[in-house]
Amino acid sequence: MYPFLLDGMTKLGGESKAPRHLSSFCGSFVNLVFALSAQFAGAVATVEFLTYFDRFARRDFGDNYLVTHTDEINASFQQVVYSINQPAAARGY
Protein backbone atom coordinates (compact mmCIF):
# COMPACT_ATOMS: atom_id res chain seq x y z
CA MET A 1 0.00 0.00 0.00
CA TYR A 2 2.95 2.33 0.46
CA PRO A 3 3.30 3.11 -3.30
CA PHE A 4 -0.45 3.78 -3.40
CA LEU A 5 -0.08 6.34 -0.61
CA LEU A 6 2.72 8.10 -2.48
CA ASP A 7 1.44 7.94 -6.07
CA GLY A 8 -2.24 7.06 -5.87
CA MET A 9 -3.53 4.77 -8.60
CA THR A 10 -1.24 6.19 -11.31
CA LYS A 11 1.24 3.30 -11.05
CA LEU A 12 -1.57 0.80 -11.66
CA GLY A 13 -2.91 2.60 -14.71
CA GLY A 14 -5.43 4.75 -12.86
CA GLU A 15 -5.70 8.50 -12.86
CA SER A 16 -6.25 9.36 -9.19
CA LYS A 17 -3.42 10.89 -7.24
CA ALA A 18 -2.39 10.08 -3.69
CA PRO A 19 -5.16 10.52 -1.11
CA ARG A 20 -4.88 13.48 1.23
CA HIS A 21 -7.94 13.12 3.46
CA LEU A 22 -9.86 10.27 5.10
CA SER A 23 -12.71 10.39 2.59
CA SER A 24 -10.39 10.23 -0.42
CA PHE A 25 -8.34 7.50 1.24
CA CYS A 26 -11.43 5.36 1.79
CA GLY A 27 -12.71 5.79 -1.76
CA SER A 28 -9.31 5.24 -3.33
CA PHE A 29 -8.67 2.23 -1.10
CA VAL A 30 -11.81 0.53 -2.43
CA ASN A 31 -10.64 1.24 -5.99
CA LEU A 32 -7.21 -0.16 -5.12
CA VAL A 33 -8.68 -3.39 -3.79
CA PHE A 34 -10.84 -3.79 -6.90
CA ALA A 35 -7.85 -3.08 -9.19
CA LEU A 36 -5.64 -5.57 -7.37
CA SER A 37 -8.28 -8.28 -7.22
CA ALA A 38 -8.85 -7.93 -10.96
CA GLN A 39 -5.17 -8.67 -11.57
CA PHE A 40 -4.76 -11.65 -9.23
CA ALA A 41 -6.58 -14.92 -8.63
CA GLY A 42 -7.40 -15.55 -4.99
CA ALA A 43 -7.68 -13.36 -1.95
CA VAL A 44 -6.24 -9.87 -1.61
CA ALA A 45 -5.11 -8.83 1.86
CA THR A 46 -4.31 -5.29 2.94
CA VAL A 47 -3.44 -5.66 6.59
CA GLU A 48 -2.23 -2.09 6.92
CA PHE A 49 -5.65 -0.57 6.15
CA LEU A 50 -6.47 0.21 9.79
CA THR A 51 -3.06 1.78 10.36
CA TYR A 52 -3.51 4.18 7.46
CA PHE A 53 -7.18 4.75 8.28
CA ASP A 54 -6.02 5.92 11.71
CA ARG A 55 -3.37 8.14 10.15
CA PHE A 56 -5.85 9.94 7.90
CA ALA A 57 -8.47 10.18 10.66
CA ARG A 58 -5.93 11.78 13.01
CA ARG A 59 -4.80 14.11 10.25
CA ASP A 60 -8.35 15.28 9.52
CA PHE A 61 -9.95 15.22 12.97
CA GLY A 62 -7.17 15.22 15.57
CA ASP A 63 -5.89 12.60 18.01
CA ASN A 64 -9.21 12.27 19.84
CA TYR A 65 -11.21 11.58 16.66
CA LEU A 66 -13.08 8.57 18.07
CA VAL A 67 -14.75 10.82 20.62
CA THR A 68 -15.10 14.07 18.70
CA HIS A 69 -16.09 12.76 15.24
CA THR A 70 -17.71 9.39 15.91
CA ASP A 71 -20.34 9.68 13.17
CA GLU A 72 -17.82 10.62 10.46
CA ILE A 73 -15.49 7.78 11.46
CA ASN A 74 -18.33 5.25 11.50
CA ALA A 75 -19.54 6.45 8.09
CA SER A 76 -16.07 6.23 6.55
CA PHE A 77 -15.44 2.75 7.91
CA GLN A 78 -18.89 1.56 6.85
CA GLN A 79 -18.30 2.92 3.34
CA VAL A 80 -15.21 0.76 2.94
CA VAL A 81 -16.74 -2.39 4.42
CA TYR A 82 -19.96 -2.04 2.44
CA SER A 83 -18.21 -1.25 -0.85
CA ILE A 84 -15.72 -4.10 -0.66
CA ASN A 85 -18.42 -6.61 0.23
CA GLN A 86 -20.52 -5.78 -2.83
CA PRO A 87 -20.36 -8.36 -5.61
CA ALA A 88 -18.92 -7.06 -8.84
CA ALA A 89 -19.61 -8.73 -12.17
CA ALA A 90 -16.16 -7.82 -13.51
CA ARG A 91 -14.64 -9.77 -10.62
CA GLY A 92 -16.69 -12.91 -11.28
CA TYR A 93 -18.96 -12.48 -8.24
PDB file of N, CA and C in Angstrom:
ATOM      1  N   MET A   1       0.808  -1.199   0.000  1.00  0.00           N
ATOM      2  CA  MET A   1       0.000   0.000   0.000  1.00  0.00           C
ATOM      3  C   MET A   1       0.851   1.263   0.000  1.00  0.00           C
ATOM      4  N   TYR A   2       2.105   1.132   0.369  1.00  0.00           N
ATOM      5  CA  TYR A   2       2.947   2.328   0.457  1.00  0.00           C
ATOM      6  C   TYR A   2       3.054   3.070  -0.880  1.00  0.00           C
ATOM      7  N   PRO A   3       3.280   2.384  -2.016  1.00  0.00           N
ATOM      8  CA  PRO A   3       3.301   3.112  -3.300  1.00  0.00           C
ATOM      9  C   PRO A   3       1.973   3.797  -3.607  1.00  0.00           C
ATOM     10  N   PHE A   4       0.875   3.180  -3.212  1.00  0.00           N
ATOM     11  CA  PHE A   4      -0.449   3.777  -3.396  1.00  0.00           C
ATOM     12  C   PHE A   4      -0.562   5.086  -2.620  1.00  0.00           C
ATOM     13  N   LEU A   5      -0.023   5.124  -1.423  1.00  0.00           N
ATOM     14  CA  LEU A   5      -0.083   6.342  -0.614  1.00  0.00           C
ATOM     15  C   LEU A   5       0.794   7.457  -1.173  1.00  0.00           C
ATOM     16  N   LEU A   6       1.837   7.089  -1.887  1.00  0.00           N
ATOM     17  CA  LEU A   6       2.722   8.097  -2.482  1.00  0.00           C
ATOM     18  C   LEU A   6       2.247   8.567  -3.853  1.00  0.00           C
ATOM     19  N   ASP A   7       1.749   7.636  -4.664  1.00  0.00           N
ATOM     20  CA  ASP A   7       1.440   7.939  -6.065  1.00  0.00           C
ATOM     21  C   ASP A   7      -0.020   7.758  -6.444  1.00  0.00           C
ATOM     22  N   GLY A   8      -0.859   7.318  -5.526  1.00  0.00           N
ATOM     23  CA  GLY A   8      -2.242   7.061  -5.869  1.00  0.00           C
ATOM     24  C   GLY A   8      -2.358   5.857  -6.789  1.00  0.00           C
ATOM     25  N   MET A   9      -3.302   5.890  -7.684  1.00  0.00           N
ATOM     26  CA  MET A   9      -3.533   4.770  -8.601  1.00  0.00           C
ATOM     27  C   MET A   9      -2.753   4.902  -9.907  1.00  0.00           C
ATOM     28  N   THR A  10      -1.935   5.940 -10.045  1.00  0.00           N
ATOM     29  CA  THR A  10      -1.244   6.188 -11.310  1.00  0.00           C
ATOM     30  C   THR A  10      -0.297   5.056 -11.696  1.00  0.00           C
ATOM     31  N   LYS A  11       0.319   4.391 -10.738  1.00  0.00           N
ATOM     32  CA  LYS A  11       1.245   3.295 -11.052  1.00  0.00           C
ATOM     33  C   LYS A  11       0.526   2.029 -11.508  1.00  0.00           C
ATOM     34  N   LEU A  12      -0.780   1.956 -11.242  1.00  0.00           N
ATOM     35  CA  LEU A  12      -1.574   0.804 -11.664  1.00  0.00           C
ATOM     36  C   LEU A  12      -2.427   1.107 -12.887  1.00  0.00           C
ATOM     37  N   GLY A  13      -2.171   2.236 -13.518  1.00  0.00           N
ATOM     38  CA  GLY A  13      -2.915   2.601 -14.708  1.00  0.00           C
ATOM     39  C   GLY A  13      -4.115   3.492 -14.440  1.00  0.00           C
ATOM     40  N   GLY A  14      -4.316   3.869 -13.196  1.00  0.00           N
ATOM     41  CA  GLY A  14      -5.427   4.753 -12.858  1.00  0.00           C
ATOM     42  C   GLY A  14      -5.027   6.210 -12.998  1.00  0.00           C
ATOM     43  N   GLU A  15      -5.963   7.075 -12.711  1.00  0.00           N
ATOM     44  CA  GLU A  15      -5.700   8.503 -12.855  1.00  0.00           C
ATOM     45  C   GLU A  15      -5.686   9.255 -11.534  1.00  0.00           C
ATOM     46  N   SER A  16      -6.171   8.636 -10.464  1.00  0.00           N
ATOM     47  CA  SER A  16      -6.254   9.356  -9.194  1.00  0.00           C
ATOM     48  C   SER A  16      -4.887   9.481  -8.533  1.00  0.00           C
ATOM     49  N   LYS A  17      -4.672  10.630  -7.939  1.00  0.00           N
ATOM     50  CA  LYS A  17      -3.416  10.891  -7.243  1.00  0.00           C
ATOM     51  C   LYS A  17      -3.503  10.378  -5.813  1.00  0.00           C
ATOM     52  N   ALA A  18      -2.451  10.563  -5.072  1.00  0.00           N
ATOM     53  CA  ALA A  18      -2.389  10.081  -3.695  1.00  0.00           C
ATOM     54  C   ALA A  18      -3.482  10.729  -2.845  1.00  0.00           C
ATOM     55  N   PRO A  19      -4.116   9.949  -1.977  1.00  0.00           N
ATOM     56  CA  PRO A  19      -5.159  10.518  -1.113  1.00  0.00           C
ATOM     57  C   PRO A  19      -4.565  11.480  -0.095  1.00  0.00           C
ATOM     58  N   ARG A  20      -5.344  12.499   0.260  1.00  0.00           N
ATOM     59  CA  ARG A  20      -4.879  13.485   1.230  1.00  0.00           C
ATOM     60  C   ARG A  20      -5.779  13.574   2.461  1.00  0.00           C
ATOM     61  N   HIS A  21      -6.994  13.049   2.363  1.00  0.00           N
ATOM     62  CA  HIS A  21      -7.943  13.116   3.464  1.00  0.00           C
ATOM     63  C   HIS A  21      -8.585  11.746   3.654  1.00  0.00           C
ATOM     64  N   LEU A  22      -9.251  11.561   4.786  1.00  0.00           N
ATOM     65  CA  LEU A  22      -9.858  10.272   5.101  1.00  0.00           C
ATOM     66  C   LEU A  22     -10.868   9.846   4.036  1.00  0.00           C
ATOM     67  N   SER A  23     -11.695  10.754   3.581  1.00  0.00           N
ATOM     68  CA  SER A  23     -12.711  10.388   2.592  1.00  0.00           C
ATOM     69  C   SER A  23     -12.082   9.939   1.274  1.00  0.00           C
ATOM     70  N   SER A  24     -11.047  10.642   0.827  1.00  0.00           N
ATOM     71  CA  SER A  24     -10.395  10.233  -0.421  1.00  0.00           C
ATOM     72  C   SER A  24      -9.598   8.946  -0.229  1.00  0.00           C
ATOM     73  N   PHE A  25      -9.041   8.751   0.957  1.00  0.00           N
ATOM     74  CA  PHE A  25      -8.340   7.497   1.240  1.00  0.00           C
ATOM     75  C   PHE A  25      -9.303   6.321   1.163  1.00  0.00           C
ATOM     76  N   CYS A  26     -10.464   6.451   1.780  1.00  0.00           N
ATOM     77  CA  CYS A  26     -11.432   5.355   1.793  1.00  0.00           C
ATOM     78  C   CYS A  26     -11.915   5.016   0.386  1.00  0.00           C
ATOM     79  N   GLY A  27     -12.256   6.027  -0.392  1.00  0.00           N
ATOM     80  CA  GLY A  27     -12.708   5.785  -1.759  1.00  0.00           C
ATOM     81  C   GLY A  27     -11.612   5.208  -2.635  1.00  0.00           C
ATOM     82  N   SER A  28     -10.431   5.744  -2.536  1.00  0.00           N
ATOM     83  CA  SER A  28      -9.308   5.243  -3.326  1.00  0.00           C
ATOM     84  C   SER A  28      -8.894   3.846  -2.893  1.00  0.00           C
ATOM     85  N   PHE A  29      -9.009   3.563  -1.603  1.00  0.00           N
ATOM     86  CA  PHE A  29      -8.668   2.231  -1.104  1.00  0.00           C
ATOM     87  C   PHE A  29      -9.587   1.177  -1.722  1.00  0.00           C
ATOM     88  N   VAL A  30     -10.869   1.467  -1.800  1.00  0.00           N
ATOM     89  CA  VAL A  30     -11.810   0.532  -2.426  1.00  0.00           C
ATOM     90  C   VAL A  30     -11.420   0.307  -3.884  1.00  0.00           C
ATOM     91  N   ASN A  31     -11.085   1.371  -4.593  1.00  0.00           N
ATOM     92  CA  ASN A  31     -10.641   1.242  -5.986  1.00  0.00           C
ATOM     93  C   ASN A  31      -9.357   0.425  -6.083  1.00  0.00           C
ATOM     94  N   LEU A  32      -8.454   0.612  -5.139  1.00  0.00           N
ATOM     95  CA  LEU A  32      -7.205  -0.157  -5.119  1.00  0.00           C
ATOM     96  C   LEU A  32      -7.493  -1.643  -4.949  1.00  0.00           C
ATOM     97  N   VAL A  33      -8.344  -1.981  -4.017  1.00  0.00           N
ATOM     98  CA  VAL A  33      -8.678  -3.395  -3.787  1.00  0.00           C
ATOM     99  C   VAL A  33      -9.319  -4.003  -5.032  1.00  0.00           C
ATOM    100  N   PHE A  34     -10.223  -3.273  -5.678  1.00  0.00           N
ATOM    101  CA  PHE A  34     -10.840  -3.785  -6.901  1.00  0.00           C
ATOM    102  C   PHE A  34      -9.802  -3.954  -8.019  1.00  0.00           C
ATOM    103  N   ALA A  35      -8.887  -2.993  -8.144  1.00  0.00           N
ATOM    104  CA  ALA A  35      -7.853  -3.082  -9.185  1.00  0.00           C
ATOM    105  C   ALA A  35      -6.930  -4.262  -8.927  1.00  0.00           C
ATOM    106  N   LEU A  36      -6.531  -4.455  -7.695  1.00  0.00           N
ATOM    107  CA  LEU A  36      -5.642  -5.572  -7.371  1.00  0.00           C
ATOM    108  C   LEU A  36      -6.338  -6.909  -7.536  1.00  0.00           C
ATOM    109  N   SER A  37      -7.576  -7.004  -7.104  1.00  0.00           N
ATOM    110  CA  SER A  37      -8.285  -8.279  -7.216  1.00  0.00           C
ATOM    111  C   SER A  37      -8.573  -8.641  -8.662  1.00  0.00           C
ATOM    112  N   ALA A  38      -8.646  -7.652  -9.533  1.00  0.00           N
ATOM    113  CA  ALA A  38      -8.854  -7.935 -10.957  1.00  0.00           C
ATOM    114  C   ALA A  38      -7.586  -8.491 -11.607  1.00  0.00           C
ATOM    115  N   GLN A  39      -6.438  -8.235 -10.993  1.00  0.00           N
ATOM    116  CA  GLN A  39      -5.167  -8.674 -11.570  1.00  0.00           C
ATOM    117  C   GLN A  39      -4.667  -9.995 -11.002  1.00  0.00           C
ATOM    118  N   PHE A  40      -5.242 -10.444  -9.891  1.00  0.00           N
ATOM    119  CA  PHE A  40      -4.764 -11.647  -9.226  1.00  0.00           C
ATOM    120  C   PHE A  40      -5.918 -12.617  -9.005  1.00  0.00           C
ATOM    121  N   ALA A  41      -5.600 -13.912  -9.002  1.00  0.00           N
ATOM    122  CA  ALA A  41      -6.578 -14.924  -8.627  1.00  0.00           C
ATOM    123  C   ALA A  41      -6.394 -15.208  -7.146  1.00  0.00           C
ATOM    124  N   GLY A  42      -7.496 -15.267  -6.420  1.00  0.00           N
ATOM    125  CA  GLY A  42      -7.405 -15.550  -4.993  1.00  0.00           C
ATOM    126  C   GLY A  42      -7.678 -14.312  -4.166  1.00  0.00           C
ATOM    127  N   ALA A  43      -7.378 -14.417  -2.896  1.00  0.00           N
ATOM    128  CA  ALA A  43      -7.681 -13.355  -1.946  1.00  0.00           C
ATOM    129  C   ALA A  43      -6.655 -12.221  -2.031  1.00  0.00           C
ATOM    130  N   VAL A  44      -7.108 -11.040  -1.710  1.00  0.00           N
ATOM    131  CA  VAL A  44      -6.244  -9.865  -1.609  1.00  0.00           C
ATOM    132  C   VAL A  44      -6.301  -9.395  -0.166  1.00  0.00           C
ATOM    133  N   ALA A  45      -5.147  -9.272   0.462  1.00  0.00           N
ATOM    134  CA  ALA A  45      -5.107  -8.826   1.857  1.00  0.00           C
ATOM    135  C   ALA A  45      -4.378  -7.486   1.944  1.00  0.00           C
ATOM    136  N   THR A  46      -4.944  -6.585   2.688  1.00  0.00           N
ATOM    137  CA  THR A  46      -4.309  -5.293   2.944  1.00  0.00           C
ATOM    138  C   THR A  46      -4.355  -5.056   4.445  1.00  0.00           C
ATOM    139  N   VAL A  47      -3.432  -5.671   5.131  1.00  0.00           N
ATOM    140  CA  VAL A  47      -3.444  -5.655   6.587  1.00  0.00           C
ATOM    141  C   VAL A  47      -3.165  -4.276   7.170  1.00  0.00           C
ATOM    142  N   GLU A  48      -2.568  -3.398   6.396  1.00  0.00           N
ATOM    143  CA  GLU A  48      -2.229  -2.085   6.922  1.00  0.00           C
ATOM    144  C   GLU A  48      -3.348  -1.065   6.775  1.00  0.00           C
ATOM    145  N   PHE A  49      -4.535  -1.493   6.338  1.00  0.00           N
ATOM    146  CA  PHE A  49      -5.651  -0.565   6.151  1.00  0.00           C
ATOM    147  C   PHE A  49      -5.963   0.213   7.429  1.00  0.00           C
ATOM    148  N   LEU A  50      -6.096  -0.471   8.542  1.00  0.00           N
ATOM    149  CA  LEU A  50      -6.467   0.210   9.789  1.00  0.00           C
ATOM    150  C   LEU A  50      -5.397   1.193  10.245  1.00  0.00           C
ATOM    151  N   THR A  51      -4.148   0.870  10.005  1.00  0.00           N
ATOM    152  CA  THR A  51      -3.062   1.783  10.365  1.00  0.00           C
ATOM    153  C   THR A  51      -3.175   3.085   9.587  1.00  0.00           C
ATOM    154  N   TYR A  52      -3.406   2.980   8.281  1.00  0.00           N
ATOM    155  CA  TYR A  52      -3.514   4.185   7.460  1.00  0.00           C
ATOM    156  C   TYR A  52      -4.851   4.888   7.660  1.00  0.00           C
ATOM    157  N   PHE A  53      -5.898   4.139   7.936  1.00  0.00           N
ATOM    158  CA  PHE A  53      -7.183   4.749   8.283  1.00  0.00           C
ATOM    159  C   PHE A  53      -6.993   5.654   9.501  1.00  0.00           C
ATOM    160  N   ASP A  54      -6.299   5.138  10.508  1.00  0.00           N
ATOM    161  CA  ASP A  54      -6.019   5.918  11.715  1.00  0.00           C
ATOM    162  C   ASP A  54      -5.190   7.159  11.384  1.00  0.00           C
ATOM    163  N   ARG A  55      -4.213   7.001  10.523  1.00  0.00           N
ATOM    164  CA  ARG A  55      -3.366   8.143  10.151  1.00  0.00           C
ATOM    165  C   ARG A  55      -4.175   9.269   9.519  1.00  0.00           C
ATOM    166  N   PHE A  56      -5.042   8.924   8.564  1.00  0.00           N
ATOM    167  CA  PHE A  56      -5.849   9.942   7.898  1.00  0.00           C
ATOM    168  C   PHE A  56      -6.914  10.523   8.833  1.00  0.00           C
ATOM    169  N   ALA A  57      -7.482   9.689   9.703  1.00  0.00           N
ATOM    170  CA  ALA A  57      -8.471  10.184  10.659  1.00  0.00           C
ATOM    171  C   ALA A  57      -7.830  11.178  11.623  1.00  0.00           C
ATOM    172  N   ARG A  58      -6.634  10.856  12.109  1.00  0.00           N
ATOM    173  CA  ARG A  58      -5.929  11.779  13.010  1.00  0.00           C
ATOM    174  C   ARG A  58      -5.553  13.069  12.280  1.00  0.00           C
ATOM    175  N   ARG A  59      -5.186  12.940  11.044  1.00  0.00           N
ATOM    176  CA  ARG A  59      -4.802  14.111  10.251  1.00  0.00           C
ATOM    177  C   ARG A  59      -5.991  15.051  10.048  1.00  0.00           C
ATOM    178  N   ASP A  60      -7.159  14.468   9.783  1.00  0.00           N
ATOM    179  CA  ASP A  60      -8.349  15.284   9.516  1.00  0.00           C
ATOM    180  C   ASP A  60      -9.057  15.773  10.779  1.00  0.00           C
ATOM    181  N   PHE A  61      -9.101  14.926  11.819  1.00  0.00           N
ATOM    182  CA  PHE A  61      -9.949  15.222  12.972  1.00  0.00           C
ATOM    183  C   PHE A  61      -9.214  15.360  14.298  1.00  0.00           C
ATOM    184  N   GLY A  62      -7.927  15.109  14.335  1.00  0.00           N
ATOM    185  CA  GLY A  62      -7.166  15.216  15.570  1.00  0.00           C
ATOM    186  C   GLY A  62      -7.035  13.874  16.284  1.00  0.00           C
ATOM    187  N   ASP A  63      -6.199  13.846  17.310  1.00  0.00           N
ATOM    188  CA  ASP A  63      -5.893  12.597  18.010  1.00  0.00           C
ATOM    189  C   ASP A  63      -7.091  11.984  18.717  1.00  0.00           C
ATOM    190  N   ASN A  64      -8.054  12.767  19.102  1.00  0.00           N
ATOM    191  CA  ASN A  64      -9.209  12.273  19.842  1.00  0.00           C
ATOM    192  C   ASN A  64     -10.413  12.059  18.915  1.00  0.00           C
ATOM    193  N   TYR A  65     -10.156  11.656  17.674  1.00  0.00           N
ATOM    194  CA  TYR A  65     -11.208  11.580  16.661  1.00  0.00           C
ATOM    195  C   TYR A  65     -12.326  10.596  16.998  1.00  0.00           C
ATOM    196  N   LEU A  66     -12.032   9.545  17.744  1.00  0.00           N
ATOM    197  CA  LEU A  66     -13.075   8.566  18.067  1.00  0.00           C
ATOM    198  C   LEU A  66     -14.147   9.151  18.974  1.00  0.00           C
ATOM    199  N   VAL A  67     -13.794  10.176  19.732  1.00  0.00           N
ATOM    200  CA  VAL A  67     -14.754  10.818  20.625  1.00  0.00           C
ATOM    201  C   VAL A  67     -15.401  12.024  19.953  1.00  0.00           C
ATOM    202  N   THR A  68     -14.608  12.814  19.251  1.00  0.00           N
ATOM    203  CA  THR A  68     -15.104  14.075  18.702  1.00  0.00           C
ATOM    204  C   THR A  68     -15.818  13.935  17.365  1.00  0.00           C
ATOM    205  N   HIS A  69     -15.497  12.911  16.585  1.00  0.00           N
ATOM    206  CA  HIS A  69     -16.086  12.756  15.244  1.00  0.00           C
ATOM    207  C   HIS A  69     -16.559  11.314  15.015  1.00  0.00           C
ATOM    208  N   THR A  70     -17.275  10.784  15.968  1.00  0.00           N
ATOM    209  CA  THR A  70     -17.708   9.391  15.911  1.00  0.00           C
ATOM    210  C   THR A  70     -18.533   9.084  14.666  1.00  0.00           C
ATOM    211  N   ASP A  71     -19.471   9.933  14.326  1.00  0.00           N
ATOM    212  CA  ASP A  71     -20.343   9.676  13.172  1.00  0.00           C
ATOM    213  C   ASP A  71     -19.558   9.651  11.868  1.00  0.00           C
ATOM    214  N   GLU A  72     -18.623  10.580  11.691  1.00  0.00           N
ATOM    215  CA  GLU A  72     -17.821  10.621  10.465  1.00  0.00           C
ATOM    216  C   GLU A  72     -16.927   9.387  10.351  1.00  0.00           C
ATOM    217  N   ILE A  73     -16.358   8.959  11.467  1.00  0.00           N
ATOM    218  CA  ILE A  73     -15.488   7.782  11.457  1.00  0.00           C
ATOM    219  C   ILE A  73     -16.307   6.533  11.140  1.00  0.00           C
ATOM    220  N   ASN A  74     -17.460   6.394  11.785  1.00  0.00           N
ATOM    221  CA  ASN A  74     -18.328   5.250  11.499  1.00  0.00           C
ATOM    222  C   ASN A  74     -18.752   5.225  10.038  1.00  0.00           C
ATOM    223  N   ALA A  75     -19.113   6.377   9.494  1.00  0.00           N
ATOM    224  CA  ALA A  75     -19.543   6.445   8.095  1.00  0.00           C
ATOM    225  C   ALA A  75     -18.408   6.068   7.147  1.00  0.00           C
ATOM    226  N   SER A  76     -17.214   6.541   7.414  1.00  0.00           N
ATOM    227  CA  SER A  76     -16.072   6.227   6.550  1.00  0.00           C
ATOM    228  C   SER A  76     -15.745   4.742   6.584  1.00  0.00           C
ATOM    229  N   PHE A  77     -15.735   4.174   7.781  1.00  0.00           N
ATOM    230  CA  PHE A  77     -15.435   2.752   7.908  1.00  0.00           C
ATOM    231  C   PHE A  77     -16.525   1.912   7.262  1.00  0.00           C
ATOM    232  N   GLN A  78     -17.779   2.284   7.460  1.00  0.00           N
ATOM    233  CA  GLN A  78     -18.890   1.555   6.851  1.00  0.00           C
ATOM    234  C   GLN A  78     -18.837   1.633   5.331  1.00  0.00           C
ATOM    235  N   GLN A  79     -18.425   2.772   4.796  1.00  0.00           N
ATOM    236  CA  GLN A  79     -18.301   2.920   3.345  1.00  0.00           C
ATOM    237  C   GLN A  79     -17.347   1.884   2.776  1.00  0.00           C
ATOM    238  N   VAL A  80     -16.209   1.715   3.421  1.00  0.00           N
ATOM    239  CA  VAL A  80     -15.211   0.760   2.936  1.00  0.00           C
ATOM    240  C   VAL A  80     -15.727  -0.667   3.050  1.00  0.00           C
ATOM    241  N   VAL A  81     -16.251  -1.026   4.208  1.00  0.00           N
ATOM    242  CA  VAL A  81     -16.735  -2.392   4.421  1.00  0.00           C
ATOM    243  C   VAL A  81     -17.879  -2.712   3.460  1.00  0.00           C
ATOM    244  N   TYR A  82     -18.832  -1.822   3.324  1.00  0.00           N
ATOM    245  CA  TYR A  82     -19.964  -2.040   2.438  1.00  0.00           C
ATOM    246  C   TYR A  82     -19.516  -2.163   0.979  1.00  0.00           C
ATOM    247  N   SER A  83     -18.643  -1.262   0.551  1.00  0.00           N
ATOM    248  CA  SER A  83     -18.210  -1.253  -0.853  1.00  0.00           C
ATOM    249  C   SER A  83     -17.421  -2.503  -1.221  1.00  0.00           C
ATOM    250  N   ILE A  84     -16.541  -2.925  -0.354  1.00  0.00           N
ATOM    251  CA  ILE A  84     -15.723  -4.103  -0.659  1.00  0.00           C
ATOM    252  C   ILE A  84     -16.564  -5.374  -0.660  1.00  0.00           C
ATOM    253  N   ASN A  85     -17.595  -5.417   0.142  1.00  0.00           N
ATOM    254  CA  ASN A  85     -18.425  -6.613   0.227  1.00  0.00           C
ATOM    255  C   ASN A  85     -19.485  -6.709  -0.864  1.00  0.00           C
ATOM    256  N   GLN A  86     -19.565  -5.722  -1.735  1.00  0.00           N
ATOM    257  CA  GLN A  86     -20.524  -5.776  -2.835  1.00  0.00           C
ATOM    258  C   GLN A  86     -19.988  -6.670  -3.949  1.00  0.00           C
ATOM    259  N   PRO A  87     -20.823  -7.548  -4.471  1.00  0.00           N
ATOM    260  CA  PRO A  87     -20.358  -8.360  -5.607  1.00  0.00           C
ATOM    261  C   PRO A  87     -20.175  -7.482  -6.840  1.00  0.00           C
ATOM    262  N   ALA A  88     -19.194  -7.817  -7.618  1.00  0.00           N
ATOM    263  CA  ALA A  88     -18.919  -7.059  -8.838  1.00  0.00           C
ATOM    264  C   ALA A  88     -18.804  -8.040  -9.998  1.00  0.00           C
ATOM    265  N   ALA A  89     -19.580  -7.810 -11.034  1.00  0.00           N
ATOM    266  CA  ALA A  89     -19.608  -8.731 -12.170  1.00  0.00           C
ATOM    267  C   ALA A  89     -18.239  -8.862 -12.816  1.00  0.00           C
ATOM    268  N   ALA A  90     -17.478  -7.779 -12.872  1.00  0.00           N
ATOM    269  CA  ALA A  90     -16.163  -7.819 -13.509  1.00  0.00           C
ATOM    270  C   ALA A  90     -15.183  -8.692 -12.722  1.00  0.00           C
ATOM    271  N   ARG A  91     -15.515  -8.950 -11.451  1.00  0.00           N
ATOM    272  CA  ARG A  91     -14.637  -9.768 -10.622  1.00  0.00           C
ATOM    273  C   ARG A  91     -15.158 -11.198 -10.508  1.00  0.00           C
ATOM    274  N   GLY A  92     -16.172 -11.554 -11.269  1.00  0.00           N
ATOM    275  CA  GLY A  92     -16.686 -12.909 -11.275  1.00  0.00           C
ATOM    276  C   GLY A  92     -17.543 -13.266 -10.074  1.00  0.00           C
ATOM    277  N   TYR A  93     -18.115 -12.272  -9.415  1.00  0.00           N
ATOM    278  CA  TYR A  93     -18.962 -12.482  -8.240  1.00  0.00           C
ATOM    279  C   TYR A  93     -18.208 -13.243  -7.188  1.00  0.00           C
TER     280      TYR A  93
END
